[in-house]
């Protein structure tokens, strides 16, 4: 007691005042501090991606929060201040594991390297594989859906967004579509771990497929080439394709967009965009050459009818003054018009009308 009295005697009045007015923060463990920060952020309405943590860590955090009751303001302030201090000292953070690395580097490395890394991460990945599957196109997912069992296909459709699932179901033969639709009704008791493993297996199958060297299929590529080829060359090639593979030739014919298709496929309201994208001499040459060919006359009238009257009148006068046009110059000019349309379509400025529409 004497020692305690001596210690108290050495405390100045000012120190006593501070001790009275400033409560001492309660000492907390690291796990308790983490629970305090999480609870505080959730109370403030902040969305925290806790699901990205390992399951064991999520469980420990929940258990710790269940054990705690109240924290005074002084302790809360001290924990928040310490947390903010550590954040300020943080210079750079790296994603955890291969999944995180791929999410950061995915668009900056080659498709081959990305595919190899995904295969390496497939067996140990903690990330949700369905997040990747959900953003894939229906055409990419369809082969896997066709090869898998009915039960796996049902789980896959259940996890995908409804519009994409409906699109995939519509691409399947009627009998298989009905079996899968019925199997969906039997997926109510499938546990989350099984769904996760199915997602990993499907993602791994897609990763094992070699990356494509071309963004479009052979029909689209051949059609695009023939679009801007001379009419004689185009017909010669198509006749040769029909002799080799009639089915492929028919698909190519449907993919071709030439000068004669403009009135049926090009939106009338977008004609001014096309006119502005062309050099005037090229446009005059194309229209003058097309006016002399019966099958191209509707295209000429379509373009002239959907621009300003003043511009149309000026073009008609230029066309009338244009002399004889060589076949090669005519093909190049009309090809330039078609190429300009394809460029507008590729940039998203124009949407062509489909055959179904």
Foldseek 3Di string as FASTA:
>chain_A
DVVVVVVVVPQDPVNVVCPVVQDDADDDDPLLLVLLVVVVCVVVVHDDPPLVDPPVNVVSSVVSNVVDDDGDPNNSVVSVVVVVVVVVVDDDDADPDLVRVCVVCVVPDDLVVSLVSLLVCLVPDPDQLVVVVQPDALVLCLVVLVPDDLLLNLLNLVSHPVVSSVVSLVVDPPVSSVSSVVSVVVCPPPDPVVSRVSSSVSSNVSSPDDDDPDPDDPLLVVQVVLQLDQPVVSVVVLVVCCVVPVVSSVSNVLNHDFLLCCVVWFDLQCLVVLVVVDDVVLVLLQLLVLCVPVSNVVSSCSSLVSDDVVVSVVSVVSSVPDDDDDSVSNSNSRSVSSVSVVVCVVVVVTDIDHPVD
